Amino acid sequence: MKELSWDEFEQVELRVGTVTAVEEFPEARRPAWKLWIDFGEDIGKRKSSAQ
């Protein structure tokens, strides 16, 4: 993994959201969960997955 310089790190956009729902994801090759995440008014609600 490449290490970032401070200038590169300052360009990274980090967001925090609230997980509002979780379901098992049996169709995934490895055990996983479907996640619904609320990022607030700017981005809204998004769906993702996690292992």
PDB file of N, CA and C in Angstrom:
ATOM      1  N   MET A   1       0.843  -1.169   0.000  1.00  0.00           N
ATOM      2  CA  MET A   1       0.000   0.000   0.000  1.00  0.00           C
ATOM      3  C   MET A   1       0.895   1.241   0.000  1.00  0.00           C
ATOM      4  N   LYS A   2       0.529   2.200  -0.829  1.00  0.00           N
ATOM      5  CA  LYS A   2       1.304   3.441  -0.949  1.00  0.00           C
ATOM      6  C   LYS A   2       1.006   4.364   0.238  1.00  0.00           C
ATOM      7  N   GLU A   3       2.054   4.934   0.801  1.00  0.00           N
ATOM      8  CA  GLU A   3       1.891   5.907   1.874  1.00  0.00           C
ATOM      9  C   GLU A   3       1.639   7.280   1.258  1.00  0.00           C
ATOM     10  N   LEU A   4       0.652   8.003   1.798  1.00  0.00           N
ATOM     11  CA  LEU A   4       0.308   9.326   1.283  1.00  0.00           C
ATOM     12  C   LEU A   4       1.158  10.404   1.938  1.00  0.00           C
ATOM     13  N   SER A   5       1.474  11.417   1.169  1.00  0.00           N
ATOM     14  CA  SER A   5       2.103  12.605   1.751  1.00  0.00           C
ATOM     15  C   SER A   5       1.001  13.415   2.440  1.00  0.00           C
ATOM     16  N   TRP A   6       1.385  14.397   3.250  1.00  0.00           N
ATOM     17  CA  TRP A   6       0.393  15.234   3.925  1.00  0.00           C
ATOM     18  C   TRP A   6      -0.466  15.981   2.906  1.00  0.00           C
ATOM     19  N   ASP A   7       0.141  16.478   1.830  1.00  0.00           N
ATOM     20  CA  ASP A   7      -0.619  17.197   0.800  1.00  0.00           C
ATOM     21  C   ASP A   7      -1.661  16.285   0.159  1.00  0.00           C
ATOM     22  N   GLU A   8      -1.303  15.028  -0.109  1.00  0.00           N
ATOM     23  CA  GLU A   8      -2.256  14.075  -0.688  1.00  0.00           C
ATOM     24  C   GLU A   8      -3.365  13.750   0.315  1.00  0.00           C
ATOM     25  N   PHE A   9      -2.992  13.575   1.578  1.00  0.00           N
ATOM     26  CA  PHE A   9      -3.979  13.261   2.608  1.00  0.00           C
ATOM     27  C   PHE A   9      -5.009  14.379   2.756  1.00  0.00           C
ATOM     28  N   GLU A  10      -4.576  15.616   2.650  1.00  0.00           N
ATOM     29  CA  GLU A  10      -5.501  16.741   2.777  1.00  0.00           C
ATOM     30  C   GLU A  10      -6.547  16.760   1.664  1.00  0.00           C
ATOM     31  N   GLN A  11      -6.297  16.068   0.564  1.00  0.00           N
ATOM     32  CA  GLN A  11      -7.250  16.015  -0.543  1.00  0.00           C
ATOM     33  C   GLN A  11      -8.269  14.883  -0.381  1.00  0.00           C
ATOM     34  N   VAL A  12      -8.052  13.992   0.578  1.00  0.00           N
ATOM     35  CA  VAL A  12      -8.960  12.868   0.815  1.00  0.00           C
ATOM     36  C   VAL A  12     -10.242  13.386   1.457  1.00  0.00           C
ATOM     37  N   GLU A  13     -11.383  12.916   0.963  1.00  0.00           N
ATOM     38  CA  GLU A  13     -12.673  13.316   1.522  1.00  0.00           C
ATOM     39  C   GLU A  13     -13.220  12.150   2.342  1.00  0.00           C
ATOM     40  N   LEU A  14     -13.338  12.322   3.642  1.00  0.00           N
ATOM     41  CA  LEU A  14     -13.870  11.301   4.537  1.00  0.00           C
ATOM     42  C   LEU A  14     -15.285  11.689   4.934  1.00  0.00           C
ATOM     43  N   ARG A  15     -16.185  10.714   4.936  1.00  0.00           N
ATOM     44  CA  ARG A  15     -17.580  10.963   5.319  1.00  0.00           C
ATOM     45  C   ARG A  15     -17.976   9.992   6.424  1.00  0.00           C
ATOM     46  N   VAL A  16     -18.857  10.426   7.296  1.00  0.00           N
ATOM     47  CA  VAL A  16     -19.382   9.597   8.369  1.00  0.00           C
ATOM     48  C   VAL A  16     -20.881   9.486   8.169  1.00  0.00           C
ATOM     49  N   GLY A  17     -21.409   8.269   8.306  1.00  0.00           N
ATOM     50  CA  GLY A  17     -22.835   8.056   8.160  1.00  0.00           C
ATOM     51  C   GLY A  17     -23.370   7.191   9.284  1.00  0.00           C
ATOM     52  N   THR A  18     -24.685   7.098   9.349  1.00  0.00           N
ATOM     53  CA  THR A  18     -25.361   6.268  10.335  1.00  0.00           C
ATOM     54  C   THR A  18     -25.949   5.056   9.630  1.00  0.00           C
ATOM     55  N   VAL A  19     -25.594   3.856  10.094  1.00  0.00           N
ATOM     56  CA  VAL A  19     -26.159   2.626   9.531  1.00  0.00           C
ATOM     57  C   VAL A  19     -27.593   2.528  10.038  1.00  0.00           C
ATOM     58  N   THR A  20     -28.545   2.521   9.093  1.00  0.00           N
ATOM     59  CA  THR A  20     -29.956   2.517   9.477  1.00  0.00           C
ATOM     60  C   THR A  20     -30.602   1.141   9.351  1.00  0.00           C
ATOM     61  N   ALA A  21     -29.999   0.233   8.565  1.00  0.00           N
ATOM     62  CA  ALA A  21     -30.542  -1.118   8.414  1.00  0.00           C
ATOM     63  C   ALA A  21     -29.432  -2.060   7.961  1.00  0.00           C
ATOM     64  N   VAL A  22     -29.561  -3.337   8.365  1.00  0.00           N
ATOM     65  CA  VAL A  22     -28.599  -4.373   7.983  1.00  0.00           C
ATOM     66  C   VAL A  22     -29.379  -5.644   7.677  1.00  0.00           C
ATOM     67  N   GLU A  23     -29.010  -6.325   6.580  1.00  0.00           N
ATOM     68  CA  GLU A  23     -29.598  -7.620   6.227  1.00  0.00           C
ATOM     69  C   GLU A  23     -28.484  -8.567   5.824  1.00  0.00           C
ATOM     70  N   GLU A  24     -28.689  -9.867   6.040  1.00  0.00           N
ATOM     71  CA  GLU A  24     -27.740 -10.848   5.529  1.00  0.00           C
ATOM     72  C   GLU A  24     -27.766 -10.806   4.013  1.00  0.00           C
ATOM     73  N   PHE A  25     -26.645 -11.171   3.394  1.00  0.00           N
ATOM     74  CA  PHE A  25     -26.490 -11.129   1.937  1.00  0.00           C
ATOM     75  C   PHE A  25     -26.111 -12.536   1.464  1.00  0.00           C
ATOM     76  N   PRO A  26     -27.088 -13.477   1.407  1.00  0.00           N
ATOM     77  CA  PRO A  26     -26.776 -14.874   1.092  1.00  0.00           C
ATOM     78  C   PRO A  26     -26.254 -15.099  -0.330  1.00  0.00           C
ATOM     79  N   GLU A  27     -26.505 -14.171  -1.254  1.00  0.00           N
ATOM     80  CA  GLU A  27     -26.033 -14.337  -2.635  1.00  0.00           C
ATOM     81  C   GLU A  27     -24.531 -14.087  -2.766  1.00  0.00           C
ATOM     82  N   ALA A  28     -23.909 -13.484  -1.774  1.00  0.00           N
ATOM     83  CA  ALA A  28     -22.475 -13.162  -1.832  1.00  0.00           C
ATOM     84  C   ALA A  28     -21.648 -14.443  -1.769  1.00  0.00           C
ATOM     85  N   ARG A  29     -20.478 -14.410  -2.409  1.00  0.00           N
ATOM     86  CA  ARG A  29     -19.582 -15.572  -2.398  1.00  0.00           C
ATOM     87  C   ARG A  29     -19.066 -15.874  -1.000  1.00  0.00           C
ATOM     88  N   ARG A  30     -18.753 -14.830  -0.248  1.00  0.00           N
ATOM     89  CA  ARG A  30     -18.312 -14.993   1.138  1.00  0.00           C
ATOM     90  C   ARG A  30     -19.358 -14.353   2.043  1.00  0.00           C
ATOM     91  N   PRO A  31     -19.435 -14.764   3.309  1.00  0.00           N
ATOM     92  CA  PRO A  31     -20.453 -14.178   4.200  1.00  0.00           C
ATOM     93  C   PRO A  31     -20.395 -12.647   4.178  1.00  0.00           C
ATOM     94  N   ALA A  32     -21.547 -12.030   3.975  1.00  0.00           N
ATOM     95  CA  ALA A  32     -21.596 -10.570   3.859  1.00  0.00           C
ATOM     96  C   ALA A  32     -22.952 -10.062   4.347  1.00  0.00           C
ATOM     97  N   TRP A  33     -23.033  -8.743   4.509  1.00  0.00           N
ATOM     98  CA  TRP A  33     -24.261  -8.076   4.929  1.00  0.00           C
ATOM     99  C   TRP A  33     -24.541  -6.897   4.012  1.00  0.00           C
ATOM    100  N   LYS A  34     -25.815  -6.646   3.758  1.00  0.00           N
ATOM    101  CA  LYS A  34     -26.239  -5.444   3.040  1.00  0.00           C
ATOM    102  C   LYS A  34     -26.438  -4.351   4.084  1.00  0.00           C
ATOM    103  N   LEU A  35     -25.953  -3.162   3.778  1.00  0.00           N
ATOM    104  CA  LEU A  35     -26.050  -2.038   4.703  1.00  0.00           C
ATOM    105  C   LEU A  35     -26.774  -0.874   4.046  1.00  0.00           C
ATOM    106  N   TRP A  36     -27.621  -0.196   4.786  1.00  0.00           N
ATOM    107  CA  TRP A  36     -28.222   1.054   4.357  1.00  0.00           C
ATOM    108  C   TRP A  36     -27.661   2.128   5.276  1.00  0.00           C
ATOM    109  N   ILE A  37     -27.044   3.143   4.672  1.00  0.00           N
ATOM    110  CA  ILE A  37     -26.324   4.157   5.437  1.00  0.00           C
ATOM    111  C   ILE A  37     -26.874   5.537   5.099  1.00  0.00           C
ATOM    112  N   ASP A  38     -27.174   6.312   6.129  1.00  0.00           N
ATOM    113  CA  ASP A  38     -27.673   7.680   5.955  1.00  0.00           C
ATOM    114  C   ASP A  38     -26.507   8.641   6.171  1.00  0.00           C
ATOM    115  N   PHE A  39     -26.129   9.367   5.104  1.00  0.00           N
ATOM    116  CA  PHE A  39     -25.028  10.321   5.162  1.00  0.00           C
ATOM    117  C   PHE A  39     -25.514  11.758   5.348  1.00  0.00           C
ATOM    118  N   GLY A  40     -26.776  11.941   5.632  1.00  0.00           N
ATOM    119  CA  GLY A  40     -27.301  13.287   5.859  1.00  0.00           C
ATOM    120  C   GLY A  40     -27.812  13.929   4.586  1.00  0.00           C
ATOM    121  N   GLU A  41     -28.105  15.213   4.672  1.00  0.00           N
ATOM    122  CA  GLU A  41     -28.742  15.939   3.570  1.00  0.00           C
ATOM    123  C   GLU A  41     -27.867  16.053   2.326  1.00  0.00           C
ATOM    124  N   ASP A  42     -26.551  16.223   2.484  1.00  0.00           N
ATOM    125  CA  ASP A  42     -25.670  16.424   1.325  1.00  0.00           C
ATOM    126  C   ASP A  42     -25.649  15.221   0.384  1.00  0.00           C
ATOM    127  N   ILE A  43     -25.508  14.028   0.937  1.00  0.00           N
ATOM    128  CA  ILE A  43     -25.363  12.818   0.118  1.00  0.00           C
ATOM    129  C   ILE A  43     -26.634  11.976   0.138  1.00  0.00           C
ATOM    130  N   GLY A  44     -27.323  11.934   1.262  1.00  0.00           N
ATOM    131  CA  GLY A  44     -28.541  11.147   1.383  1.00  0.00           C
ATOM    132  C   GLY A  44     -28.257   9.726   1.837  1.00  0.00           C
ATOM    133  N   LYS A  45     -29.198   8.832   1.548  1.00  0.00           N
ATOM    134  CA  LYS A  45     -29.083   7.432   1.954  1.00  0.00           C
ATOM    135  C   LYS A  45     -28.451   6.628   0.828  1.00  0.00           C
ATOM    136  N   ARG A  46     -27.547   5.734   1.193  1.00  0.00           N
ATOM    137  CA  ARG A  46     -26.852   4.890   0.224  1.00  0.00           C
ATOM    138  C   ARG A  46     -26.875   3.447   0.703  1.00  0.00           C
ATOM    139  N   LYS A  47     -26.799   2.524  -0.253  1.00  0.00           N
ATOM    140  CA  LYS A  47     -26.748   1.099   0.042  1.00  0.00           C
ATOM    141  C   LYS A  47     -25.331   0.612  -0.225  1.00  0.00           C
ATOM    142  N   SER A  48     -24.830  -0.263   0.651  1.00  0.00           N
ATOM    143  CA  SER A  48     -23.481  -0.804   0.500  1.00  0.00           C
ATOM    144  C   SER A  48     -23.487  -2.233   1.020  1.00  0.00           C
ATOM    145  N   SER A  49     -22.318  -2.862   1.060  1.00  0.00           N
ATOM    146  CA  SER A  49     -22.199  -4.195   1.646  1.00  0.00           C
ATOM    147  C   SER A  49     -20.888  -4.289   2.404  1.00  0.00           C
ATOM    148  N   ALA A  50     -20.836  -5.246   3.337  1.00  0.00           N
ATOM    149  CA  ALA A  50     -19.632  -5.438   4.151  1.00  0.00           C
ATOM    150  C   ALA A  50     -19.446  -6.926   4.404  1.00  0.00           C
ATOM    151  N   GLN A  51     -18.185  -7.326   4.562  1.00  0.00           N
ATOM    152  CA  GLN A  51     -17.876  -8.717   4.904  1.00  0.00           C
ATOM    153  C   GLN A  51     -17.317  -8.784   6.290  1.00  0.00           C
TER     154      GLN A  51
END
